[in-house]
Amino acid sequence: MDDTDETQSPDSAGPRGREVEVPLRVYKTVTVVATLLAMAGVIAGFILLDSATNRATAELSEVNVVLALVGLGLIVFGAAVYAFSTRFRTAGMGKSKDDSSEDSDNG
């Protein structure tokens, strides 16, 4: 038998799981670009969704389904970009919440 810890989740790919440690300059660039893309995607998605439904006043038969789906797709794209950008860390950012060697100061 091997000495691996079987309590470790299968999606953990190392000591920090899914987090990627990068230099500070790369972290700042990824954070800024990802935030701008996420904001643009969500805002454009809501604008398209609003336009497709005629400000939520259109009858069901009058809704532009293609434009509504594109709007929803942009909202999902913005959320996904933001979610994946949160995986990046830099060396001085502290420990992961899943790190068992960290003392709890709750209470």
PDB file of N, CA and C in Angstrom:
ATOM      1  N   MET A   1       0.835  -1.183   0.000  1.00  0.00           N
ATOM      2  CA  MET A   1       0.000   0.000   0.000  1.00  0.00           C
ATOM      3  C   MET A   1       0.875   1.239   0.000  1.00  0.00           C
ATOM      4  N   ASP A   2       0.358   2.306  -0.605  1.00  0.00           N
ATOM      5  CA  ASP A   2       1.127   3.545  -0.619  1.00  0.00           C
ATOM      6  C   ASP A   2       0.728   4.425   0.565  1.00  0.00           C
ATOM      7  N   ASP A   3       1.523   5.446   0.823  1.00  0.00           N
ATOM      8  CA  ASP A   3       1.332   6.301   1.982  1.00  0.00           C
ATOM      9  C   ASP A   3       0.536   7.557   1.667  1.00  0.00           C
ATOM     10  N   THR A   4      -0.269   7.575   0.633  1.00  0.00           N
ATOM     11  CA  THR A   4      -1.018   8.777   0.292  1.00  0.00           C
ATOM     12  C   THR A   4      -2.198   8.941   1.226  1.00  0.00           C
ATOM     13  N   ASP A   5      -2.590  10.189   1.435  1.00  0.00           N
ATOM     14  CA  ASP A   5      -3.718  10.502   2.298  1.00  0.00           C
ATOM     15  C   ASP A   5      -5.002  10.306   1.497  1.00  0.00           C
ATOM     16  N   GLU A   6      -5.833   9.362   1.937  1.00  0.00           N
ATOM     17  CA  GLU A   6      -7.043   9.052   1.198  1.00  0.00           C
ATOM     18  C   GLU A   6      -8.180  10.013   1.503  1.00  0.00           C
ATOM     19  N   THR A   7      -8.007  10.900   2.472  1.00  0.00           N
ATOM     20  CA  THR A   7      -9.049  11.875   2.774  1.00  0.00           C
ATOM     21  C   THR A   7      -8.978  13.082   1.855  1.00  0.00           C
ATOM     22  N   GLN A   8      -7.910  13.194   1.092  1.00  0.00           N
ATOM     23  CA  GLN A   8      -7.753  14.312   0.166  1.00  0.00           C
ATOM     24  C   GLN A   8      -8.750  14.163  -0.968  1.00  0.00           C
ATOM     25  N   SER A   9      -9.418  15.251  -1.323  1.00  0.00           N
ATOM     26  CA  SER A   9     -10.436  15.184  -2.370  1.00  0.00           C
ATOM     27  C   SER A   9      -9.793  14.909  -3.717  1.00  0.00           C
ATOM     28  N   PRO A  10     -10.506  14.224  -4.617  1.00  0.00           N
ATOM     29  CA  PRO A  10      -9.921  13.873  -5.898  1.00  0.00           C
ATOM     30  C   PRO A  10      -9.641  15.069  -6.785  1.00  0.00           C
ATOM     31  N   ASP A  11     -10.300  16.208  -6.536  1.00  0.00           N
ATOM     32  CA  ASP A  11     -10.043  17.359  -7.387  1.00  0.00           C
ATOM     33  C   ASP A  11      -8.886  18.204  -6.876  1.00  0.00           C
ATOM     34  N   SER A  12      -8.258  17.835  -5.786  1.00  0.00           N
ATOM     35  CA  SER A  12      -7.081  18.537  -5.300  1.00  0.00           C
ATOM     36  C   SER A  12      -5.869  18.055  -6.067  1.00  0.00           C
ATOM     37  N   ALA A  13      -5.173  18.995  -6.647  1.00  0.00           N
ATOM     38  CA  ALA A  13      -4.025  18.630  -7.456  1.00  0.00           C
ATOM     39  C   ALA A  13      -2.745  19.112  -6.803  1.00  0.00           C
ATOM     40  N   GLY A  14      -2.617  18.988  -5.532  1.00  0.00           N
ATOM     41  CA  GLY A  14      -1.416  19.420  -4.854  1.00  0.00           C
ATOM     42  C   GLY A  14      -1.763  20.017  -3.509  1.00  0.00           C
ATOM     43  N   PRO A  15      -0.804  20.698  -2.898  1.00  0.00           N
ATOM     44  CA  PRO A  15      -1.024  21.214  -1.568  1.00  0.00           C
ATOM     45  C   PRO A  15      -2.094  22.302  -1.512  1.00  0.00           C
ATOM     46  N   ARG A  16      -2.347  22.994  -2.570  1.00  0.00           N
ATOM     47  CA  ARG A  16      -3.343  24.057  -2.568  1.00  0.00           C
ATOM     48  C   ARG A  16      -4.558  23.708  -3.414  1.00  0.00           C
ATOM     49  N   GLY A  17      -4.721  22.476  -3.821  1.00  0.00           N
ATOM     50  CA  GLY A  17      -5.899  22.079  -4.591  1.00  0.00           C
ATOM     51  C   GLY A  17      -5.881  22.651  -5.994  1.00  0.00           C
ATOM     52  N   ARG A  18      -6.912  23.367  -6.327  1.00  0.00           N
ATOM     53  CA  ARG A  18      -7.040  23.908  -7.678  1.00  0.00           C
ATOM     54  C   ARG A  18      -6.423  25.280  -7.831  1.00  0.00           C
ATOM     55  N   GLU A  19      -5.857  25.838  -6.810  1.00  0.00           N
ATOM     56  CA  GLU A  19      -5.269  27.171  -6.885  1.00  0.00           C
ATOM     57  C   GLU A  19      -3.956  27.141  -7.644  1.00  0.00           C
ATOM     58  N   VAL A  20      -3.695  28.226  -8.370  1.00  0.00           N
ATOM     59  CA  VAL A  20      -2.470  28.349  -9.163  1.00  0.00           C
ATOM     60  C   VAL A  20      -1.683  29.523  -8.609  1.00  0.00           C
ATOM     61  N   GLU A  21      -0.449  29.263  -8.191  1.00  0.00           N
ATOM     62  CA  GLU A  21       0.391  30.331  -7.661  1.00  0.00           C
ATOM     63  C   GLU A  21       1.186  30.950  -8.808  1.00  0.00           C
ATOM     64  N   VAL A  22       1.057  32.262  -8.964  1.00  0.00           N
ATOM     65  CA  VAL A  22       1.712  32.989 -10.046  1.00  0.00           C
ATOM     66  C   VAL A  22       2.442  34.191  -9.460  1.00  0.00           C
ATOM     67  N   PRO A  23       3.361  34.796 -10.225  1.00  0.00           N
ATOM     68  CA  PRO A  23       4.021  36.020  -9.750  1.00  0.00           C
ATOM     69  C   PRO A  23       3.000  37.160  -9.596  1.00  0.00           C
ATOM     70  N   LEU A  24       3.344  38.138  -8.785  1.00  0.00           N
ATOM     71  CA  LEU A  24       2.437  39.242  -8.483  1.00  0.00           C
ATOM     72  C   LEU A  24       2.005  39.992  -9.739  1.00  0.00           C
ATOM     73  N   ARG A  25       2.913  40.215 -10.647  1.00  0.00           N
ATOM     74  CA  ARG A  25       2.592  40.951 -11.881  1.00  0.00           C
ATOM     75  C   ARG A  25       1.542  40.204 -12.698  1.00  0.00           C
ATOM     76  N   VAL A  26       1.688  38.901 -12.824  1.00  0.00           N
ATOM     77  CA  VAL A  26       0.717  38.086 -13.566  1.00  0.00           C
ATOM     78  C   VAL A  26      -0.618  38.094 -12.838  1.00  0.00           C
ATOM     79  N   TYR A  27      -0.595  38.002 -11.513  1.00  0.00           N
ATOM     80  CA  TYR A  27      -1.826  38.019 -10.724  1.00  0.00           C
ATOM     81  C   TYR A  27      -2.605  39.311 -10.952  1.00  0.00           C
ATOM     82  N   LYS A  28      -1.893  40.438 -10.914  1.00  0.00           N
ATOM     83  CA  LYS A  28      -2.558  41.721 -11.122  1.00  0.00           C
ATOM     84  C   LYS A  28      -3.156  41.811 -12.518  1.00  0.00           C
ATOM     85  N   THR A  29      -2.418  41.353 -13.520  1.00  0.00           N
ATOM     86  CA  THR A  29      -2.903  41.394 -14.895  1.00  0.00           C
ATOM     87  C   THR A  29      -4.125  40.504 -15.073  1.00  0.00           C
ATOM     88  N   VAL A  30      -4.059  39.294 -14.559  1.00  0.00           N
ATOM     89  CA  VAL A  30      -5.186  38.363 -14.671  1.00  0.00           C
ATOM     90  C   VAL A  30      -6.411  38.927 -13.963  1.00  0.00           C
ATOM     91  N   THR A  31      -6.220  39.501 -12.787  1.00  0.00           N
ATOM     92  CA  THR A  31      -7.334  40.043 -12.028  1.00  0.00           C
ATOM     93  C   THR A  31      -8.006  41.190 -12.769  1.00  0.00           C
ATOM     94  N   VAL A  32      -7.230  42.114 -13.298  1.00  0.00           N
ATOM     95  CA  VAL A  32      -7.789  43.266 -14.002  1.00  0.00           C
ATOM     96  C   VAL A  32      -8.501  42.836 -15.280  1.00  0.00           C
ATOM     97  N   VAL A  33      -7.843  42.031 -16.093  1.00  0.00           N
ATOM     98  CA  VAL A  33      -8.435  41.620 -17.367  1.00  0.00           C
ATOM     99  C   VAL A  33      -9.672  40.756 -17.142  1.00  0.00           C
ATOM    100  N   ALA A  34      -9.602  39.835 -16.210  1.00  0.00           N
ATOM    101  CA  ALA A  34     -10.744  38.964 -15.946  1.00  0.00           C
ATOM    102  C   ALA A  34     -11.925  39.749 -15.399  1.00  0.00           C
ATOM    103  N   THR A  35     -11.666  40.707 -14.535  1.00  0.00           N
ATOM    104  CA  THR A  35     -12.753  41.516 -13.996  1.00  0.00           C
ATOM    105  C   THR A  35     -13.411  42.349 -15.092  1.00  0.00           C
ATOM    106  N   LEU A  36     -12.599  42.940 -15.967  1.00  0.00           N
ATOM    107  CA  LEU A  36     -13.159  43.719 -17.074  1.00  0.00           C
ATOM    108  C   LEU A  36     -13.970  42.841 -18.021  1.00  0.00           C
ATOM    109  N   LEU A  37     -13.456  41.673 -18.360  1.00  0.00           N
ATOM    110  CA  LEU A  37     -14.200  40.758 -19.230  1.00  0.00           C
ATOM    111  C   LEU A  37     -15.498  40.289 -18.570  1.00  0.00           C
ATOM    112  N   ALA A  38     -15.432  39.974 -17.293  1.00  0.00           N
ATOM    113  CA  ALA A  38     -16.627  39.506 -16.582  1.00  0.00           C
ATOM    114  C   ALA A  38     -17.676  40.611 -16.523  1.00  0.00           C
ATOM    115  N   MET A  39     -17.258  41.812 -16.207  1.00  0.00           N
ATOM    116  CA  MET A  39     -18.202  42.932 -16.149  1.00  0.00           C
ATOM    117  C   MET A  39     -18.807  43.217 -17.514  1.00  0.00           C
ATOM    118  N   ALA A  40     -17.983  43.256 -18.539  1.00  0.00           N
ATOM    119  CA  ALA A  40     -18.484  43.528 -19.891  1.00  0.00           C
ATOM    120  C   ALA A  40     -19.452  42.437 -20.340  1.00  0.00           C
ATOM    121  N   GLY A  41     -19.128  41.187 -20.052  1.00  0.00           N
ATOM    122  CA  GLY A  41     -20.004  40.083 -20.438  1.00  0.00           C
ATOM    123  C   GLY A  41     -21.355  40.134 -19.751  1.00  0.00           C
ATOM    124  N   VAL A  42     -21.344  40.385 -18.450  1.00  0.00           N
ATOM    125  CA  VAL A  42     -22.602  40.417 -17.697  1.00  0.00           C
ATOM    126  C   VAL A  42     -23.441  41.630 -18.101  1.00  0.00           C
ATOM    127  N   ILE A  43     -22.822  42.785 -18.225  1.00  0.00           N
ATOM    128  CA  ILE A  43     -23.574  43.988 -18.605  1.00  0.00           C
ATOM    129  C   ILE A  43     -24.134  43.843 -20.017  1.00  0.00           C
ATOM    130  N   ALA A  44     -23.310  43.392 -20.961  1.00  0.00           N
ATOM    131  CA  ALA A  44     -23.796  43.192 -22.336  1.00  0.00           C
ATOM    132  C   ALA A  44     -24.891  42.125 -22.378  1.00  0.00           C
ATOM    133  N   GLY A  45     -24.754  41.094 -21.571  1.00  0.00           N
ATOM    134  CA  GLY A  45     -25.767  40.047 -21.517  1.00  0.00           C
ATOM    135  C   GLY A  45     -27.105  40.572 -21.040  1.00  0.00           C
ATOM    136  N   PHE A  46     -27.085  41.396 -20.005  1.00  0.00           N
ATOM    137  CA  PHE A  46     -28.336  41.972 -19.515  1.00  0.00           C
ATOM    138  C   PHE A  46     -28.932  42.964 -20.513  1.00  0.00           C
ATOM    139  N   ILE A  47     -28.084  43.702 -21.203  1.00  0.00           N
ATOM    140  CA  ILE A  47     -28.587  44.624 -22.233  1.00  0.00           C
ATOM    141  C   ILE A  47     -29.265  43.842 -23.348  1.00  0.00           C
ATOM    142  N   LEU A  48     -28.631  42.764 -23.817  1.00  0.00           N
ATOM    143  CA  LEU A  48     -29.231  41.946 -24.874  1.00  0.00           C
ATOM    144  C   LEU A  48     -30.515  41.266 -24.390  1.00  0.00           C
ATOM    145  N   LEU A  49     -30.514  40.788 -23.174  1.00  0.00           N
ATOM    146  CA  LEU A  49     -31.708  40.151 -22.620  1.00  0.00           C
ATOM    147  C   LEU A  49     -32.848  41.159 -22.484  1.00  0.00           C
ATOM    148  N   ASP A  50     -32.516  42.364 -22.072  1.00  0.00           N
ATOM    149  CA  ASP A  50     -33.503  43.429 -21.956  1.00  0.00           C
ATOM    150  C   ASP A  50     -34.060  43.805 -23.329  1.00  0.00           C
ATOM    151  N   SER A  51     -33.178  43.861 -24.309  1.00  0.00           N
ATOM    152  CA  SER A  51     -33.608  44.185 -25.673  1.00  0.00           C
ATOM    153  C   SER A  51     -34.463  43.066 -26.267  1.00  0.00           C
ATOM    154  N   ALA A  52     -34.100  41.834 -26.009  1.00  0.00           N
ATOM    155  CA  ALA A  52     -34.835  40.688 -26.562  1.00  0.00           C
ATOM    156  C   ALA A  52     -36.243  40.591 -26.005  1.00  0.00           C
ATOM    157  N   THR A  53     -36.429  41.044 -24.767  1.00  0.00           N
ATOM    158  CA  THR A  53     -37.751  40.955 -24.136  1.00  0.00           C
ATOM    159  C   THR A  53     -38.479  42.288 -24.128  1.00  0.00           C
ATOM    160  N   ASN A  54     -37.941  43.279 -24.837  1.00  0.00           N
ATOM    161  CA  ASN A  54     -38.534  44.617 -24.913  1.00  0.00           C
ATOM    162  C   ASN A  54     -38.805  45.156 -23.511  1.00  0.00           C
ATOM    163  N   ARG A  55     -37.757  45.188 -22.715  1.00  0.00           N
ATOM    164  CA  ARG A  55     -37.799  45.650 -21.320  1.00  0.00           C
ATOM    165  C   ARG A  55     -38.812  44.879 -20.483  1.00  0.00           C
ATOM    166  N   ALA A  56     -38.851  43.573 -20.722  1.00  0.00           N
ATOM    167  CA  ALA A  56     -39.713  42.643 -19.987  1.00  0.00           C
ATOM    168  C   ALA A  56     -41.201  42.937 -20.171  1.00  0.00           C
ATOM    169  N   THR A  57     -41.560  43.598 -21.285  1.00  0.00           N
ATOM    170  CA  THR A  57     -42.967  43.887 -21.551  1.00  0.00           C
ATOM    171  C   THR A  57     -43.499  43.122 -22.758  1.00  0.00           C
ATOM    172  N   ALA A  58     -42.628  42.434 -23.477  1.00  0.00           N
ATOM    173  CA  ALA A  58     -43.052  41.721 -24.683  1.00  0.00           C
ATOM    174  C   ALA A  58     -43.863  40.482 -24.322  1.00  0.00           C
ATOM    175  N   GLU A  59     -44.807  40.178 -25.162  1.00  0.00           N
ATOM    176  CA  GLU A  59     -45.551  38.929 -25.030  1.00  0.00           C
ATOM    177  C   GLU A  59     -44.597  37.779 -25.325  1.00  0.00           C
ATOM    178  N   LEU A  60     -44.932  36.595 -24.881  1.00  0.00           N
ATOM    179  CA  LEU A  60     -44.059  35.444 -25.068  1.00  0.00           C
ATOM    180  C   LEU A  60     -43.779  35.180 -26.546  1.00  0.00           C
ATOM    181  N   SER A  61     -44.763  35.398 -27.395  1.00  0.00           N
ATOM    182  CA  SER A  61     -44.580  35.158 -28.832  1.00  0.00           C
ATOM    183  C   SER A  61     -43.725  36.232 -29.500  1.00  0.00           C
ATOM    184  N   GLU A  62     -43.536  37.379 -28.841  1.00  0.00           N
ATOM    185  CA  GLU A  62     -42.755  38.481 -29.415  1.00  0.00           C
ATOM    186  C   GLU A  62     -41.296  38.487 -28.963  1.00  0.00           C
ATOM    187  N   VAL A  63     -40.934  37.615 -28.059  1.00  0.00           N
ATOM    188  CA  VAL A  63     -39.566  37.584 -27.527  1.00  0.00           C
ATOM    189  C   VAL A  63     -38.612  37.058 -28.595  1.00  0.00           C
ATOM    190  N   ASN A  64     -37.506  37.774 -28.785  1.00  0.00           N
ATOM    191  CA  ASN A  64     -36.462  37.339 -29.718  1.00  0.00           C
ATOM    192  C   ASN A  64     -35.616  36.279 -28.990  1.00  0.00           C
ATOM    193  N   VAL A  65     -35.889  35.025 -29.275  1.00  0.00           N
ATOM    194  CA  VAL A  65     -35.274  33.923 -28.538  1.00  0.00           C
ATOM    195  C   VAL A  65     -33.766  33.865 -28.765  1.00  0.00           C
ATOM    196  N   VAL A  66     -33.319  34.092 -29.978  1.00  0.00           N
ATOM    197  CA  VAL A  66     -31.883  34.027 -30.277  1.00  0.00           C
ATOM    198  C   VAL A  66     -31.134  35.104 -29.493  1.00  0.00           C
ATOM    199  N   LEU A  67     -31.664  36.321 -29.508  1.00  0.00           N
ATOM    200  CA  LEU A  67     -31.016  37.411 -28.776  1.00  0.00           C
ATOM    201  C   LEU A  67     -31.041  37.143 -27.268  1.00  0.00           C
ATOM    202  N   ALA A  68     -32.119  36.587 -26.760  1.00  0.00           N
ATOM    203  CA  ALA A  68     -32.208  36.251 -25.336  1.00  0.00           C
ATOM    204  C   ALA A  68     -31.190  35.180 -24.967  1.00  0.00           C
ATOM    205  N   LEU A  69     -31.021  34.178 -25.811  1.00  0.00           N
ATOM    206  CA  LEU A  69     -30.042  33.124 -25.531  1.00  0.00           C
ATOM    207  C   LEU A  69     -28.612  33.652 -25.591  1.00  0.00           C
ATOM    208  N   VAL A  70     -28.344  34.549 -26.532  1.00  0.00           N
ATOM    209  CA  VAL A  70     -27.013  35.159 -26.601  1.00  0.00           C
ATOM    210  C   VAL A  70     -26.760  35.979 -25.327  1.00  0.00           C
ATOM    211  N   GLY A  71     -27.769  36.704 -24.876  1.00  0.00           N
ATOM    212  CA  GLY A  71     -27.636  37.475 -23.640  1.00  0.00           C
ATOM    213  C   GLY A  71     -27.366  36.585 -22.436  1.00  0.00           C
ATOM    214  N   LEU A  72     -28.121  35.501 -22.326  1.00  0.00           N
ATOM    215  CA  LEU A  72     -27.875  34.559 -21.225  1.00  0.00           C
ATOM    216  C   LEU A  72     -26.492  33.939 -21.330  1.00  0.00           C
ATOM    217  N   GLY A  73     -26.060  33.641 -22.548  1.00  0.00           N
ATOM    218  CA  GLY A  73     -24.720  33.088 -22.750  1.00  0.00           C
ATOM    219  C   GLY A  73     -23.634  34.046 -22.302  1.00  0.00           C
ATOM    220  N   LEU A  74     -23.824  35.349 -22.579  1.00  0.00           N
ATOM    221  CA  LEU A  74     -22.836  36.334 -22.137  1.00  0.00           C
ATOM    222  C   LEU A  74     -22.807  36.461 -20.616  1.00  0.00           C
ATOM    223  N   ILE A  75     -23.961  36.352 -19.988  1.00  0.00           N
ATOM    224  CA  ILE A  75     -24.003  36.402 -18.520  1.00  0.00           C
ATOM    225  C   ILE A  75     -23.258  35.203 -17.930  1.00  0.00           C
ATOM    226  N   VAL A  76     -23.479  34.035 -18.482  1.00  0.00           N
ATOM    227  CA  VAL A  76     -22.788  32.826 -18.012  1.00  0.00           C
ATOM    228  C   VAL A  76     -21.286  32.937 -18.284  1.00  0.00           C
ATOM    229  N   PHE A  77     -20.924  33.475 -19.449  1.00  0.00           N
ATOM    230  CA  PHE A  77     -19.506  33.669 -19.784  1.00  0.00           C
ATOM    231  C   PHE A  77     -18.831  34.586 -18.762  1.00  0.00           C
ATOM    232  N   GLY A  78     -19.475  35.697 -18.426  1.00  0.00           N
ATOM    233  CA  GLY A  78     -18.911  36.622 -17.446  1.00  0.00           C
ATOM    234  C   GLY A  78     -18.737  35.973 -16.086  1.00  0.00           C
ATOM    235  N   ALA A  79     -19.726  35.193 -15.676  1.00  0.00           N
ATOM    236  CA  ALA A  79     -19.628  34.506 -14.387  1.00  0.00           C
ATOM    237  C   ALA A  79     -18.507  33.473 -14.395  1.00  0.00           C
ATOM    238  N   ALA A  80     -18.368  32.752 -15.497  1.00  0.00           N
ATOM    239  CA  ALA A  80     -17.323  31.723 -15.594  1.00  0.00           C
ATOM    240  C   ALA A  80     -15.929  32.346 -15.584  1.00  0.00           C
ATOM    241  N   VAL A  81     -15.760  33.443 -16.301  1.00  0.00           N
ATOM    242  CA  VAL A  81     -14.456  34.124 -16.323  1.00  0.00           C
ATOM    243  C   VAL A  81     -14.083  34.568 -14.918  1.00  0.00           C
ATOM    244  N   TYR A  82     -15.029  35.150 -14.221  1.00  0.00           N
ATOM    245  CA  TYR A  82     -14.745  35.599 -12.863  1.00  0.00           C
ATOM    246  C   TYR A  82     -14.424  34.416 -11.945  1.00  0.00           C
ATOM    247  N   ALA A  83     -15.193  33.352 -12.058  1.00  0.00           N
ATOM    248  CA  ALA A  83     -14.976  32.185 -11.194  1.00  0.00           C
ATOM    249  C   ALA A  83     -13.602  31.573 -11.426  1.00  0.00           C
ATOM    250  N   PHE A  84     -13.192  31.447 -12.674  1.00  0.00           N
ATOM    251  CA  PHE A  84     -11.882  30.856 -12.945  1.00  0.00           C
ATOM    252  C   PHE A  84     -10.743  31.797 -12.576  1.00  0.00           C
ATOM    253  N   SER A  85     -10.978  33.103 -12.611  1.00  0.00           N
ATOM    254  CA  SER A  85      -9.907  34.035 -12.246  1.00  0.00           C
ATOM    255  C   SER A  85      -9.625  34.016 -10.753  1.00  0.00           C
ATOM    256  N   THR A  86     -10.574  33.529  -9.955  1.00  0.00           N
ATOM    257  CA  THR A  86     -10.349  33.485  -8.513  1.00  0.00           C
ATOM    258  C   THR A  86      -9.429  32.342  -8.097  1.00  0.00           C
ATOM    259  N   ARG A  87      -9.038  31.501  -9.016  1.00  0.00           N
ATOM    260  CA  ARG A  87      -8.118  30.400  -8.703  1.00  0.00           C
ATOM    261  C   ARG A  87      -6.680  30.871  -8.559  1.00  0.00           C
ATOM    262  N   PHE A  88      -6.365  32.035  -9.089  1.00  0.00           N
ATOM    263  CA  PHE A  88      -4.988  32.515  -9.080  1.00  0.00           C
ATOM    264  C   PHE A  88      -4.641  33.139  -7.741  1.00  0.00           C
ATOM    265  N   ARG A  89      -3.443  32.840  -7.269  1.00  0.00           N
ATOM    266  CA  ARG A  89      -2.908  33.370  -6.019  1.00  0.00           C
ATOM    267  C   ARG A  89      -1.465  33.775  -6.262  1.00  0.00           C
ATOM    268  N   THR A  90      -0.982  34.622  -5.381  1.00  0.00           N
ATOM    269  CA  THR A  90       0.428  34.974  -5.408  1.00  0.00           C
ATOM    270  C   THR A  90       1.071  34.494  -4.103  1.00  0.00           C
ATOM    271  N   ALA A  91       2.367  34.482  -4.044  1.00  0.00           N
ATOM    272  CA  ALA A  91       3.085  33.867  -2.924  1.00  0.00           C
ATOM    273  C   ALA A  91       2.714  34.446  -1.566  1.00  0.00           C
ATOM    274  N   GLY A  92       2.437  35.722  -1.463  1.00  0.00           N
ATOM    275  CA  GLY A  92       2.176  36.331  -0.168  1.00  0.00           C
ATOM    276  C   GLY A  92       0.710  36.402   0.215  1.00  0.00           C
ATOM    277  N   MET A  93      -0.151  35.633  -0.390  1.00  0.00           N
ATOM    278  CA  MET A  93      -1.586  35.769  -0.150  1.00  0.00           C
ATOM    279  C   MET A  93      -2.110  34.916   1.002  1.00  0.00           C
ATOM    280  N   GLY A  94      -1.287  34.214   1.694  1.00  0.00           N
ATOM    281  CA  GLY A  94      -1.755  33.433   2.832  1.00  0.00           C
ATOM    282  C   GLY A  94      -2.120  32.016   2.446  1.00  0.00           C
ATOM    283  N   LYS A  95      -2.704  31.320   3.422  1.00  0.00           N
ATOM    284  CA  LYS A  95      -2.997  29.905   3.246  1.00  0.00           C
ATOM    285  C   LYS A  95      -4.388  29.680   2.692  1.00  0.00           C
ATOM    286  N   SER A  96      -4.547  28.551   2.069  1.00  0.00           N
ATOM    287  CA  SER A  96      -5.851  28.136   1.577  1.00  0.00           C
ATOM    288  C   SER A  96      -6.742  27.791   2.754  1.00  0.00           C
ATOM    289  N   LYS A  97      -8.058  27.994   2.610  1.00  0.00           N
ATOM    290  CA  LYS A  97      -8.967  27.666   3.701  1.00  0.00           C
ATOM    291  C   LYS A  97      -9.018  26.176   3.976  1.00  0.00           C
ATOM    292  N   ASP A  98      -8.589  25.364   3.009  1.00  0.00           N
ATOM    293  CA  ASP A  98      -8.587  23.912   3.182  1.00  0.00           C
ATOM    294  C   ASP A  98      -7.327  23.391   3.842  1.00  0.00           C
ATOM    295  N   ASP A  99      -6.363  24.260   4.096  1.00  0.00           N
ATOM    296  CA  ASP A  99      -5.102  23.843   4.699  1.00  0.00           C
ATOM    297  C   ASP A  99      -5.331  23.514   6.166  1.00  0.00           C
ATOM    298  N   SER A 100      -5.086  22.259   6.535  1.00  0.00           N
ATOM    299  CA  SER A 100      -5.377  21.814   7.894  1.00  0.00           C
ATOM    300  C   SER A 100      -4.357  22.310   8.913  1.00  0.00           C
ATOM    301  N   SER A 101      -3.218  22.832   8.498  1.00  0.00           N
ATOM    302  CA  SER A 101      -2.221  23.295   9.443  1.00  0.00           C
ATOM    303  C   SER A 101      -2.538  24.705   9.945  1.00  0.00           C
ATOM    304  N   GLU A 102      -3.554  25.323   9.407  1.00  0.00           N
ATOM    305  CA  GLU A 102      -3.930  26.671   9.835  1.00  0.00           C
ATOM    306  C   GLU A 102      -4.786  26.585  11.088  1.00  0.00           C
ATOM    307  N   ASP A 103      -4.440  27.378  12.103  1.00  0.00           N
ATOM    308  CA  ASP A 103      -5.193  27.396  13.351  1.00  0.00           C
ATOM    309  C   ASP A 103      -6.505  28.154  13.147  1.00  0.00           C
ATOM    310  N   SER A 104      -7.544  27.672  13.777  1.00  0.00           N
ATOM    311  CA  SER A 104      -8.835  28.351  13.714  1.00  0.00           C
ATOM    312  C   SER A 104      -8.913  29.353  14.847  1.00  0.00           C
ATOM    313  N   ASP A 105      -9.330  30.588  14.535  1.00  0.00           N
ATOM    314  CA  ASP A 105      -9.488  31.584  15.562  1.00  0.00           C
ATOM    315  C   ASP A 105     -10.957  31.964  15.724  1.00  0.00           C
ATOM    316  N   ASN A 106     -11.835  31.026  15.409  1.00  0.00           N
ATOM    317  CA  ASN A 106     -13.264  31.247  15.604  1.00  0.00           C
ATOM    318  C   ASN A 106     -13.609  31.047  17.060  1.00  0.00           C
ATOM    319  N   GLY A 107     -14.147  32.053  17.704  1.00  0.00           N
ATOM    320  CA  GLY A 107     -14.631  31.911  19.076  1.00  0.00           C
ATOM    321  C   GLY A 107     -13.559  32.017  20.026  1.00  0.00           C
TER     322      GLY A 107
END
